[in-house]
Amino acid sequence: MKKNYFFFSLIFILSLIIISGCTNSKDSIATISVNSDSEHTNTFKKLNLGELYDFDFKLNNADKTWVNVWIESYKDGKQEPQPIDKLSYGLSPNKVEEGNLGFGIINTNDTRLCFLYSPNATTTPQKIDKIHSGVFSGWDYAIGEEKVELKLGKTYLLGAYRESNGNSIRTYNLQNENEVKKMISNDKVVFLLKIKIEEK
């Protein structure tokens, strides 16, 4: 009798865990993950256009939400008053939207351009400074290839592009706010790619 009771209790608990797990993922407002080997990034590499940082993005309740993606710019430790680029869209006719979302830098002979894109919109490329001579530059993702669930009203850091103050560049933990502050303080140029979803 005790064995049967234990067995049924175990099945009941496992069922609850499975049901609650399904409910949580179903109720998440959005998911995002790194897509470093996407068609978009491979096309950029093949054509030698510059650099592209691509994500898989899925937005639930797309008909009731607004997505804001922007690039904060820091020079010599000080934040520029306005984002260098910003993309806002929402209230889709579709309940669910999914596709590629990201940030690109186009290199030309005399200048560099950056742009943002999402499943439904792309910004006009914005002019940014050329890389300073004698410095190292690099991009670090703040999230991995596993899906991250996004919550309403919370700002998330997706990645950082930066140029060093010298002939080396160190790595930082972009999940740690203090590490991000150190990076901003230590590097010559820092771009932070951020996202926030709001209900409308």
N, C-alpha and C. Protein backbone atom coordinates (compact mmCIF):
# COMPACT_ATOMS: atom_id res chain seq x y z
N MET A 1 0.83 -1.20 0.00
CA MET A 1 0.00 0.00 0.00
C MET A 1 0.87 1.27 0.00
N LYS A 2 1.94 1.21 0.86
CA LYS A 2 2.83 2.36 0.94
C LYS A 2 3.55 2.58 -0.39
N LYS A 3 3.91 1.47 -1.06
CA LYS A 3 4.60 1.58 -2.35
C LYS A 3 3.70 2.25 -3.38
N ASN A 4 2.41 1.84 -3.42
CA ASN A 4 1.46 2.44 -4.35
C ASN A 4 1.28 3.93 -4.07
N TYR A 5 1.17 4.28 -2.81
CA TYR A 5 1.00 5.69 -2.42
C TYR A 5 2.20 6.52 -2.89
N PHE A 6 3.40 5.99 -2.66
CA PHE A 6 4.63 6.67 -3.06
C PHE A 6 4.67 6.84 -4.58
N PHE A 7 4.31 5.76 -5.30
CA PHE A 7 4.33 5.77 -6.76
C PHE A 7 3.36 6.82 -7.32
N PHE A 8 2.13 6.85 -6.82
CA PHE A 8 1.15 7.82 -7.30
C PHE A 8 1.53 9.25 -6.92
N SER A 9 2.11 9.42 -5.74
CA SER A 9 2.57 10.75 -5.32
C SER A 9 3.67 11.25 -6.25
N LEU A 10 4.57 10.35 -6.60
CA LEU A 10 5.67 10.71 -7.49
C LEU A 10 5.15 11.12 -8.86
N ILE A 11 4.22 10.35 -9.41
CA ILE A 11 3.62 10.68 -10.71
C ILE A 11 2.90 12.02 -10.65
N PHE A 12 2.18 12.27 -9.56
CA PHE A 12 1.44 13.53 -9.40
C PHE A 12 2.41 14.73 -9.38
N ILE A 13 3.50 14.60 -8.62
CA ILE A 13 4.47 15.69 -8.51
C ILE A 13 5.15 15.95 -9.86
N LEU A 14 5.54 14.88 -10.55
CA LEU A 14 6.16 15.03 -11.87
C LEU A 14 5.21 15.68 -12.87
N SER A 15 3.94 15.31 -12.79
CA SER A 15 2.93 15.92 -13.68
C SER A 15 2.81 17.41 -13.43
N LEU A 16 2.80 17.80 -12.15
CA LEU A 16 2.73 19.22 -11.80
C LEU A 16 3.93 20.00 -12.33
N ILE A 17 5.12 19.39 -12.19
CA ILE A 17 6.35 20.05 -12.68
C ILE A 17 6.29 20.25 -14.18
N ILE A 18 5.86 19.21 -14.90
CA ILE A 18 5.76 19.29 -16.37
C ILE A 18 4.74 20.34 -16.79
N ILE A 19 3.57 20.34 -16.15
CA ILE A 19 2.51 21.30 -16.48
C ILE A 19 2.97 22.72 -16.20
N SER A 20 3.60 22.95 -15.03
CA SER A 20 4.05 24.31 -14.68
C SER A 20 5.16 24.76 -15.62
N GLY A 21 6.03 23.82 -16.04
CA GLY A 21 7.09 24.16 -16.99
C GLY A 21 6.52 24.59 -18.31
N CYS A 22 5.52 23.88 -18.80
CA CYS A 22 4.87 24.23 -20.06
C CYS A 22 4.18 25.57 -19.96
N THR A 23 3.53 25.80 -18.82
CA THR A 23 2.80 27.06 -18.64
C THR A 23 3.77 28.24 -18.65
N ASN A 24 4.92 28.08 -17.97
CA ASN A 24 5.88 29.19 -17.90
C ASN A 24 6.40 29.57 -19.28
N SER A 25 6.79 28.55 -20.12
CA SER A 25 7.32 28.91 -21.42
C SER A 25 6.23 29.46 -22.32
N LYS A 26 5.00 28.98 -22.12
CA LYS A 26 3.90 29.48 -22.94
C LYS A 26 3.59 30.93 -22.59
N ASP A 27 3.72 31.26 -21.31
CA ASP A 27 3.39 32.61 -20.86
C ASP A 27 4.53 33.61 -21.02
N SER A 28 5.74 33.17 -21.42
CA SER A 28 6.85 34.12 -21.53
C SER A 28 6.55 35.10 -22.65
N ILE A 29 6.93 36.36 -22.45
CA ILE A 29 6.59 37.41 -23.40
C ILE A 29 7.43 37.31 -24.67
N ALA A 30 8.70 36.87 -24.52
CA ALA A 30 9.59 36.74 -25.68
C ALA A 30 10.78 35.87 -25.32
N THR A 31 11.42 35.33 -26.35
CA THR A 31 12.68 34.60 -26.15
C THR A 31 13.69 35.12 -27.16
N ILE A 32 14.97 35.09 -26.76
CA ILE A 32 16.05 35.53 -27.65
C ILE A 32 17.27 34.67 -27.41
N SER A 33 18.01 34.40 -28.48
CA SER A 33 19.25 33.63 -28.37
C SER A 33 20.19 34.06 -29.48
N VAL A 34 21.49 33.85 -29.26
CA VAL A 34 22.51 34.20 -30.24
C VAL A 34 22.39 33.29 -31.46
N ASN A 35 22.55 33.88 -32.64
CA ASN A 35 22.50 33.12 -33.89
C ASN A 35 23.74 33.50 -34.72
N SER A 36 24.91 33.15 -34.20
CA SER A 36 26.18 33.62 -34.79
C SER A 36 26.50 32.98 -36.14
N ASP A 37 25.81 31.89 -36.49
CA ASP A 37 26.08 31.23 -37.77
C ASP A 37 24.87 31.33 -38.70
N SER A 38 24.16 32.43 -38.61
CA SER A 38 22.95 32.60 -39.42
C SER A 38 23.30 32.95 -40.87
N GLU A 39 22.29 32.86 -41.72
CA GLU A 39 22.45 33.26 -43.13
C GLU A 39 22.87 34.72 -43.23
N HIS A 40 22.28 35.55 -42.36
CA HIS A 40 22.60 36.99 -42.35
C HIS A 40 24.09 37.21 -42.09
N THR A 41 24.62 36.60 -41.01
CA THR A 41 26.03 36.83 -40.65
C THR A 41 26.96 36.23 -41.71
N ASN A 42 26.60 35.08 -42.24
CA ASN A 42 27.44 34.46 -43.27
C ASN A 42 27.49 35.29 -44.55
N THR A 43 26.36 35.91 -44.92
CA THR A 43 26.33 36.79 -46.09
C THR A 43 27.24 37.98 -45.87
N PHE A 44 27.18 38.58 -44.68
CA PHE A 44 28.05 39.72 -44.37
C PHE A 44 29.53 39.33 -44.50
N LYS A 45 29.87 38.13 -43.98
CA LYS A 45 31.28 37.67 -44.05
C LYS A 45 31.70 37.44 -45.49
N LYS A 46 30.86 36.75 -46.27
CA LYS A 46 31.21 36.42 -47.66
C LYS A 46 31.41 37.68 -48.49
N LEU A 47 30.56 38.68 -48.28
CA LEU A 47 30.65 39.91 -49.06
C LEU A 47 31.62 40.92 -48.46
N ASN A 48 32.21 40.58 -47.31
CA ASN A 48 33.17 41.45 -46.63
C ASN A 48 32.59 42.85 -46.40
N LEU A 49 31.34 42.88 -45.93
CA LEU A 49 30.64 44.16 -45.72
C LEU A 49 31.00 44.81 -44.39
N GLY A 50 31.37 44.00 -43.42
CA GLY A 50 31.63 44.51 -42.07
C GLY A 50 31.32 43.44 -41.05
N GLU A 51 30.60 43.83 -40.00
CA GLU A 51 30.29 42.89 -38.92
C GLU A 51 28.79 42.89 -38.64
N LEU A 52 28.26 41.71 -38.34
CA LEU A 52 26.83 41.58 -38.04
C LEU A 52 26.68 40.70 -36.81
N TYR A 53 25.86 41.14 -35.86
CA TYR A 53 25.63 40.41 -34.62
C TYR A 53 24.15 40.05 -34.59
N ASP A 54 23.88 38.77 -34.81
CA ASP A 54 22.52 38.31 -35.11
C ASP A 54 21.94 37.47 -33.97
N PHE A 55 20.62 37.61 -33.77
CA PHE A 55 19.90 36.88 -32.74
C PHE A 55 18.64 36.27 -33.32
N ASP A 56 18.22 35.12 -32.77
CA ASP A 56 16.89 34.56 -33.04
C ASP A 56 15.95 35.18 -32.02
N PHE A 57 14.85 35.76 -32.48
CA PHE A 57 13.93 36.48 -31.60
C PHE A 57 12.52 36.02 -31.85
N LYS A 58 11.81 35.69 -30.77
CA LYS A 58 10.39 35.32 -30.87
C LYS A 58 9.60 36.15 -29.86
N LEU A 59 8.57 36.83 -30.36
CA LEU A 59 7.75 37.70 -29.52
C LEU A 59 6.33 37.14 -29.44
N ASN A 60 5.92 36.74 -28.23
CA ASN A 60 4.54 36.32 -28.00
C ASN A 60 3.71 37.56 -27.69
N ASN A 61 2.43 37.51 -27.91
CA ASN A 61 1.55 38.67 -27.70
C ASN A 61 2.05 39.89 -28.47
N ALA A 62 2.52 39.66 -29.70
CA ALA A 62 3.06 40.74 -30.52
C ALA A 62 2.00 41.79 -30.84
N ASP A 63 0.72 41.39 -30.76
CA ASP A 63 -0.37 42.31 -31.04
C ASP A 63 -0.65 43.27 -29.88
N LYS A 64 -0.02 43.02 -28.71
CA LYS A 64 -0.29 43.86 -27.53
C LYS A 64 0.98 44.50 -26.95
N THR A 65 2.12 44.29 -27.62
CA THR A 65 3.38 44.76 -27.04
C THR A 65 4.15 45.66 -28.01
N TRP A 66 5.13 46.38 -27.43
CA TRP A 66 5.99 47.29 -28.17
C TRP A 66 7.43 46.94 -27.86
N VAL A 67 8.26 46.80 -28.89
CA VAL A 67 9.66 46.41 -28.73
C VAL A 67 10.55 47.62 -28.97
N ASN A 68 11.49 47.86 -28.05
CA ASN A 68 12.48 48.93 -28.20
C ASN A 68 13.87 48.30 -28.20
N VAL A 69 14.64 48.58 -29.25
CA VAL A 69 16.03 48.12 -29.35
C VAL A 69 16.87 49.36 -29.62
N TRP A 70 17.98 49.52 -28.90
CA TRP A 70 18.80 50.70 -29.10
C TRP A 70 20.27 50.41 -28.80
N ILE A 71 21.13 51.35 -29.27
CA ILE A 71 22.57 51.24 -29.05
C ILE A 71 23.04 52.46 -28.27
N GLU A 72 23.41 52.23 -27.02
CA GLU A 72 24.00 53.30 -26.21
C GLU A 72 25.46 53.45 -26.61
N SER A 73 25.94 54.69 -26.62
CA SER A 73 27.32 54.96 -27.01
C SER A 73 28.07 55.65 -25.87
N TYR A 74 29.29 55.16 -25.60
CA TYR A 74 30.15 55.74 -24.56
C TYR A 74 31.51 56.05 -25.18
N LYS A 75 32.02 57.24 -24.91
CA LYS A 75 33.36 57.62 -25.38
C LYS A 75 34.17 58.11 -24.18
N ASP A 76 35.34 57.48 -23.99
CA ASP A 76 36.23 57.83 -22.86
C ASP A 76 35.46 57.82 -21.54
N GLY A 77 34.58 56.83 -21.37
CA GLY A 77 33.87 56.65 -20.11
C GLY A 77 32.61 57.47 -19.94
N LYS A 78 32.30 58.34 -20.91
CA LYS A 78 31.11 59.20 -20.78
C LYS A 78 30.05 58.80 -21.79
N GLN A 79 28.80 58.72 -21.32
CA GLN A 79 27.69 58.34 -22.20
C GLN A 79 27.30 59.49 -23.10
N GLU A 80 27.13 59.20 -24.38
CA GLU A 80 26.62 60.19 -25.32
C GLU A 80 25.15 60.47 -24.99
N PRO A 81 24.69 61.72 -25.18
CA PRO A 81 23.33 62.07 -24.75
C PRO A 81 22.22 61.28 -25.44
N GLN A 82 22.44 60.88 -26.69
CA GLN A 82 21.41 60.14 -27.44
C GLN A 82 21.98 58.80 -27.91
N PRO A 83 21.12 57.77 -28.02
CA PRO A 83 21.59 56.51 -28.62
C PRO A 83 22.05 56.76 -30.05
N ILE A 84 23.04 56.01 -30.51
CA ILE A 84 23.48 56.22 -31.90
C ILE A 84 22.47 55.65 -32.89
N ASP A 85 21.64 54.73 -32.42
CA ASP A 85 20.56 54.21 -33.26
C ASP A 85 19.48 53.61 -32.37
N LYS A 86 18.24 53.65 -32.85
CA LYS A 86 17.11 53.14 -32.06
C LYS A 86 16.05 52.60 -33.00
N LEU A 87 15.46 51.47 -32.61
CA LEU A 87 14.40 50.83 -33.39
C LEU A 87 13.23 50.54 -32.47
N SER A 88 12.05 51.03 -32.83
CA SER A 88 10.85 50.79 -32.02
C SER A 88 9.72 50.32 -32.94
N TYR A 89 9.05 49.25 -32.54
CA TYR A 89 7.94 48.75 -33.34
C TYR A 89 7.03 47.91 -32.44
N GLY A 90 5.79 47.68 -32.91
CA GLY A 90 4.89 46.86 -32.12
C GLY A 90 3.47 46.87 -32.61
N LEU A 91 2.57 46.33 -31.76
CA LEU A 91 1.15 46.22 -32.06
C LEU A 91 0.93 45.57 -33.43
N SER A 92 1.56 44.44 -33.62
CA SER A 92 1.50 43.71 -34.89
C SER A 92 0.09 43.16 -35.13
N PRO A 93 -0.29 42.96 -36.39
CA PRO A 93 -1.56 42.29 -36.66
C PRO A 93 -1.50 40.80 -36.30
N ASN A 94 -0.29 40.28 -36.12
CA ASN A 94 -0.09 38.87 -35.76
C ASN A 94 0.10 38.72 -34.26
N LYS A 95 -0.39 37.64 -33.71
CA LYS A 95 -0.23 37.38 -32.28
C LYS A 95 1.21 37.03 -31.93
N VAL A 96 1.90 36.31 -32.83
CA VAL A 96 3.30 35.91 -32.60
C VAL A 96 4.15 36.38 -33.77
N GLU A 97 5.31 36.95 -33.46
CA GLU A 97 6.27 37.36 -34.49
C GLU A 97 7.61 36.71 -34.16
N GLU A 98 8.28 36.18 -35.15
CA GLU A 98 9.62 35.64 -34.91
C GLU A 98 10.50 35.81 -36.12
N GLY A 99 11.82 35.88 -35.86
CA GLY A 99 12.78 36.05 -36.95
C GLY A 99 14.10 36.57 -36.41
N ASN A 100 14.86 37.20 -37.30
CA ASN A 100 16.19 37.70 -36.94
C ASN A 100 16.11 39.11 -36.40
N LEU A 101 16.94 39.36 -35.39
CA LEU A 101 17.05 40.70 -34.80
C LEU A 101 18.54 40.92 -34.55
N GLY A 102 19.02 42.15 -34.80
CA GLY A 102 20.44 42.34 -34.56
C GLY A 102 20.96 43.73 -34.87
N PHE A 103 22.29 43.80 -34.92
CA PHE A 103 23.04 45.05 -35.03
C PHE A 103 24.17 44.81 -36.03
N GLY A 104 24.30 45.72 -37.00
CA GLY A 104 25.34 45.58 -38.01
C GLY A 104 26.21 46.81 -38.13
N ILE A 105 27.47 46.59 -38.52
CA ILE A 105 28.39 47.69 -38.81
C ILE A 105 28.92 47.47 -40.23
N ILE A 106 28.69 48.46 -41.10
CA ILE A 106 29.16 48.41 -42.48
C ILE A 106 30.42 49.25 -42.60
N ASN A 107 31.48 48.65 -43.14
CA ASN A 107 32.73 49.38 -43.36
C ASN A 107 32.81 49.85 -44.81
N THR A 108 33.09 51.14 -45.00
CA THR A 108 33.34 51.66 -46.35
C THR A 108 34.74 52.26 -46.34
N ASN A 109 35.18 52.76 -47.48
CA ASN A 109 36.53 53.31 -47.56
C ASN A 109 36.74 54.51 -46.65
N ASP A 110 35.75 55.37 -46.55
CA ASP A 110 35.96 56.61 -45.80
C ASP A 110 35.14 56.72 -44.51
N THR A 111 34.25 55.78 -44.25
CA THR A 111 33.43 55.89 -43.04
C THR A 111 32.91 54.52 -42.61
N ARG A 112 32.19 54.51 -41.47
CA ARG A 112 31.50 53.29 -41.01
C ARG A 112 30.04 53.65 -40.75
N LEU A 113 29.17 52.70 -40.99
CA LEU A 113 27.74 52.89 -40.76
C LEU A 113 27.23 51.77 -39.87
N CYS A 114 26.29 52.09 -38.97
CA CYS A 114 25.68 51.04 -38.15
C CYS A 114 24.17 51.06 -38.36
N PHE A 115 23.55 49.92 -38.14
CA PHE A 115 22.09 49.82 -38.30
C PHE A 115 21.55 48.72 -37.39
N LEU A 116 20.26 48.82 -37.12
CA LEU A 116 19.53 47.81 -36.35
C LEU A 116 18.47 47.18 -37.24
N TYR A 117 18.13 45.93 -36.97
CA TYR A 117 17.06 45.29 -37.73
C TYR A 117 16.31 44.31 -36.84
N SER A 118 15.07 44.03 -37.24
CA SER A 118 14.20 43.13 -36.48
C SER A 118 13.35 42.37 -37.49
N PRO A 119 12.48 41.44 -37.01
CA PRO A 119 11.64 40.71 -37.98
C PRO A 119 10.75 41.63 -38.82
N ASN A 120 10.46 42.84 -38.35
CA ASN A 120 9.52 43.71 -39.06
C ASN A 120 10.06 45.05 -39.50
N ALA A 121 11.28 45.40 -39.09
CA ALA A 121 11.76 46.75 -39.37
C ALA A 121 13.29 46.79 -39.43
N THR A 122 13.79 47.80 -40.13
CA THR A 122 15.23 48.06 -40.21
C THR A 122 15.44 49.57 -40.15
N THR A 123 16.48 50.00 -39.46
CA THR A 123 16.75 51.44 -39.40
C THR A 123 17.63 51.86 -40.58
N THR A 124 17.61 53.13 -40.89
CA THR A 124 18.51 53.69 -41.89
C THR A 124 19.92 53.69 -41.30
N PRO A 125 20.93 53.23 -42.03
CA PRO A 125 22.30 53.21 -41.48
C PRO A 125 22.75 54.59 -40.99
N GLN A 126 23.33 54.60 -39.78
CA GLN A 126 23.80 55.83 -39.15
C GLN A 126 25.33 55.87 -39.19
N LYS A 127 25.88 57.06 -39.47
CA LYS A 127 27.33 57.22 -39.54
C LYS A 127 27.94 57.16 -38.14
N ILE A 128 29.03 56.38 -38.00
CA ILE A 128 29.78 56.33 -36.74
C ILE A 128 31.26 56.54 -37.06
N ASP A 129 32.05 56.86 -36.04
CA ASP A 129 33.48 57.12 -36.24
C ASP A 129 34.20 55.88 -36.75
N LYS A 130 35.26 56.12 -37.51
CA LYS A 130 36.13 55.01 -37.93
C LYS A 130 36.92 54.53 -36.73
N ILE A 131 37.42 53.30 -36.80
CA ILE A 131 38.25 52.77 -35.70
C ILE A 131 39.51 53.61 -35.59
N HIS A 132 39.86 53.99 -34.37
CA HIS A 132 41.08 54.75 -34.14
C HIS A 132 42.29 53.85 -34.41
N SER A 133 43.35 54.42 -34.95
CA SER A 133 44.52 53.61 -35.27
C SER A 133 45.22 53.14 -33.99
N GLY A 134 45.80 51.95 -34.06
CA GLY A 134 46.57 51.42 -32.93
C GLY A 134 45.74 50.89 -31.78
N VAL A 135 44.44 50.62 -32.01
CA VAL A 135 43.60 50.07 -30.94
C VAL A 135 43.01 48.74 -31.38
N PHE A 136 42.63 47.94 -30.41
CA PHE A 136 41.96 46.68 -30.68
C PHE A 136 40.46 46.89 -30.55
N SER A 137 39.68 46.18 -31.36
CA SER A 137 38.22 46.27 -31.25
C SER A 137 37.64 44.87 -31.16
N GLY A 138 36.43 44.76 -30.64
CA GLY A 138 35.81 43.45 -30.53
C GLY A 138 34.37 43.53 -30.08
N TRP A 139 33.68 42.40 -30.23
CA TRP A 139 32.28 42.28 -29.84
C TRP A 139 32.15 41.12 -28.87
N ASP A 140 31.36 41.32 -27.82
CA ASP A 140 31.06 40.25 -26.87
C ASP A 140 29.55 40.15 -26.72
N TYR A 141 29.02 38.93 -26.86
CA TYR A 141 27.60 38.71 -26.60
C TYR A 141 27.38 38.67 -25.09
N ALA A 142 26.26 39.22 -24.65
CA ALA A 142 25.92 39.18 -23.22
C ALA A 142 25.03 37.99 -22.90
N ILE A 143 24.53 37.33 -23.95
CA ILE A 143 23.72 36.11 -23.77
C ILE A 143 24.33 35.01 -24.62
N GLY A 144 23.87 33.76 -24.44
CA GLY A 144 24.42 32.64 -25.19
C GLY A 144 23.46 32.12 -26.24
N GLU A 145 23.76 30.92 -26.73
CA GLU A 145 22.93 30.31 -27.78
C GLU A 145 21.69 29.63 -27.20
N GLU A 146 21.62 29.49 -25.88
CA GLU A 146 20.40 28.97 -25.25
C GLU A 146 19.39 30.11 -25.14
N LYS A 147 18.12 29.78 -25.32
CA LYS A 147 17.08 30.82 -25.30
C LYS A 147 16.98 31.48 -23.93
N VAL A 148 16.91 32.81 -23.96
CA VAL A 148 16.70 33.60 -22.75
C VAL A 148 15.29 34.14 -22.80
N GLU A 149 14.53 33.97 -21.72
CA GLU A 149 13.17 34.48 -21.66
C GLU A 149 13.18 35.93 -21.20
N LEU A 150 12.51 36.79 -21.94
CA LEU A 150 12.46 38.21 -21.63
C LEU A 150 11.16 38.56 -20.93
N LYS A 151 11.26 39.44 -19.92
CA LYS A 151 10.08 39.87 -19.17
C LYS A 151 9.68 41.28 -19.56
N LEU A 152 8.40 41.57 -19.41
CA LEU A 152 7.88 42.91 -19.72
C LEU A 152 8.53 43.96 -18.84
N GLY A 153 8.88 45.10 -19.45
CA GLY A 153 9.35 46.25 -18.69
C GLY A 153 10.79 46.19 -18.21
N LYS A 154 11.50 45.10 -18.50
CA LYS A 154 12.88 44.97 -18.04
C LYS A 154 13.84 45.21 -19.20
N THR A 155 14.91 45.96 -18.95
CA THR A 155 15.93 46.23 -19.96
C THR A 155 16.99 45.13 -19.92
N TYR A 156 17.33 44.58 -21.09
CA TYR A 156 18.33 43.52 -21.19
C TYR A 156 19.49 43.98 -22.06
N LEU A 157 20.71 43.69 -21.62
CA LEU A 157 21.90 43.92 -22.43
C LEU A 157 22.13 42.69 -23.29
N LEU A 158 22.21 42.89 -24.62
CA LEU A 158 22.41 41.77 -25.54
C LEU A 158 23.87 41.58 -25.92
N GLY A 159 24.63 42.68 -25.93
CA GLY A 159 26.03 42.57 -26.31
C GLY A 159 26.71 43.93 -26.29
N ALA A 160 28.04 43.91 -26.47
CA ALA A 160 28.82 45.14 -26.44
C ALA A 160 29.91 45.12 -27.50
N TYR A 161 29.99 46.20 -28.26
CA TYR A 161 31.10 46.41 -29.19
C TYR A 161 32.01 47.46 -28.54
N ARG A 162 33.33 47.24 -28.62
CA ARG A 162 34.21 48.21 -27.97
C ARG A 162 35.55 48.32 -28.65
N GLU A 163 36.19 49.46 -28.41
CA GLU A 163 37.54 49.72 -28.90
C GLU A 163 38.40 50.07 -27.70
N SER A 164 39.57 49.44 -27.62
CA SER A 164 40.42 49.57 -26.43
C SER A 164 41.13 50.92 -26.40
N ASN A 165 41.76 51.18 -25.26
CA ASN A 165 42.57 52.39 -25.09
C ASN A 165 44.03 52.13 -25.42
N GLY A 166 44.35 50.92 -25.84
CA GLY A 166 45.75 50.59 -26.13
C GLY A 166 45.87 49.42 -27.05
N ASN A 167 46.98 48.69 -26.94
CA ASN A 167 47.26 47.60 -27.87
C ASN A 167 46.81 46.23 -27.35
N SER A 168 45.87 46.22 -26.42
CA SER A 168 45.29 44.96 -25.93
C SER A 168 43.84 45.20 -25.54
N ILE A 169 43.09 44.12 -25.44
CA ILE A 169 41.68 44.25 -25.04
C ILE A 169 41.35 43.09 -24.10
N ARG A 170 40.74 43.39 -22.97
CA ARG A 170 40.44 42.34 -22.01
C ARG A 170 38.97 41.95 -22.09
N THR A 171 38.62 40.83 -21.48
CA THR A 171 37.24 40.37 -21.50
C THR A 171 36.55 40.74 -20.19
N TYR A 172 35.25 40.91 -20.26
CA TYR A 172 34.44 41.27 -19.10
C TYR A 172 33.22 40.36 -19.05
N ASN A 173 32.69 40.17 -17.84
CA ASN A 173 31.43 39.43 -17.67
C ASN A 173 30.28 40.42 -17.86
N LEU A 174 29.62 40.33 -19.01
CA LEU A 174 28.57 41.31 -19.33
C LEU A 174 27.27 41.06 -18.57
N GLN A 175 27.22 39.97 -17.79
CA GLN A 175 26.06 39.73 -16.92
C GLN A 175 26.23 40.45 -15.58
N ASN A 176 27.42 40.99 -15.35
CA ASN A 176 27.73 41.66 -14.09
C ASN A 176 27.77 43.17 -14.31
N GLU A 177 26.88 43.90 -13.63
CA GLU A 177 26.76 45.35 -13.84
C GLU A 177 28.06 46.10 -13.53
N ASN A 178 28.77 45.67 -12.49
CA ASN A 178 30.03 46.33 -12.13
C ASN A 178 31.10 46.10 -13.19
N GLU A 179 31.10 44.90 -13.78
CA GLU A 179 32.05 44.61 -14.86
C GLU A 179 31.77 45.48 -16.08
N VAL A 180 30.49 45.69 -16.38
CA VAL A 180 30.10 46.54 -17.52
C VAL A 180 30.57 47.97 -17.26
N LYS A 181 30.43 48.45 -16.03
CA LYS A 181 30.89 49.81 -15.68
C LYS A 181 32.41 49.93 -15.85
N LYS A 182 33.13 48.89 -15.44
CA LYS A 182 34.60 48.88 -15.61
C LYS A 182 34.97 48.95 -17.08
N MET A 183 34.27 48.16 -17.90
CA MET A 183 34.52 48.15 -19.33
C MET A 183 34.32 49.54 -19.93
N ILE A 184 33.21 50.19 -19.56
CA ILE A 184 32.92 51.54 -20.06
C ILE A 184 34.02 52.51 -19.65
N SER A 185 34.49 52.37 -18.42
CA SER A 185 35.53 53.25 -17.90
C SER A 185 36.89 53.01 -18.54
N ASN A 186 37.21 51.74 -18.84
CA ASN A 186 38.54 51.39 -19.32
C ASN A 186 38.72 51.52 -20.83
N ASP A 187 37.64 51.32 -21.60
CA ASP A 187 37.78 51.32 -23.06
C ASP A 187 37.49 52.70 -23.66
N LYS A 188 38.07 52.93 -24.84
CA LYS A 188 37.93 54.25 -25.50
C LYS A 188 36.52 54.46 -26.02
N VAL A 189 35.99 53.43 -26.69
CA VAL A 189 34.63 53.49 -27.27
C VAL A 189 33.88 52.23 -26.88
N VAL A 190 32.63 52.38 -26.44
CA VAL A 190 31.78 51.23 -26.10
C VAL A 190 30.39 51.47 -26.67
N PHE A 191 29.86 50.48 -27.38
CA PHE A 191 28.47 50.48 -27.82
C PHE A 191 27.76 49.35 -27.09
N LEU A 192 26.65 49.64 -26.43
CA LEU A 192 25.86 48.61 -25.75
C LEU A 192 24.55 48.42 -26.49
N LEU A 193 24.28 47.17 -26.91
CA LEU A 193 23.03 46.84 -27.58
C LEU A 193 22.03 46.37 -26.53
N LYS A 194 20.88 47.08 -26.44
CA LYS A 194 19.89 46.77 -25.40
C LYS A 194 18.50 46.58 -26.00
N ILE A 195 17.65 45.85 -25.23
CA ILE A 195 16.27 45.61 -25.65
C ILE A 195 15.34 45.72 -24.46
N LYS A 196 14.14 46.24 -24.72
CA LYS A 196 13.10 46.33 -23.68
C LYS A 196 11.74 46.16 -24.35
N ILE A 197 10.89 45.34 -23.75
CA ILE A 197 9.54 45.10 -24.29
C ILE A 197 8.51 45.68 -23.32
N GLU A 198 7.58 46.44 -23.88
CA GLU A 198 6.54 47.07 -23.05
C GLU A 198 5.17 46.67 -23.55
N GLU A 199 4.20 46.72 -22.65
CA GLU A 199 2.82 46.41 -23.02
C GLU A 199 2.12 47.71 -23.39
N LYS A 200 1.37 47.70 -24.48
CA LYS A 200 0.67 48.91 -24.93
C LYS A 200 -0.84 48.70 -24.87
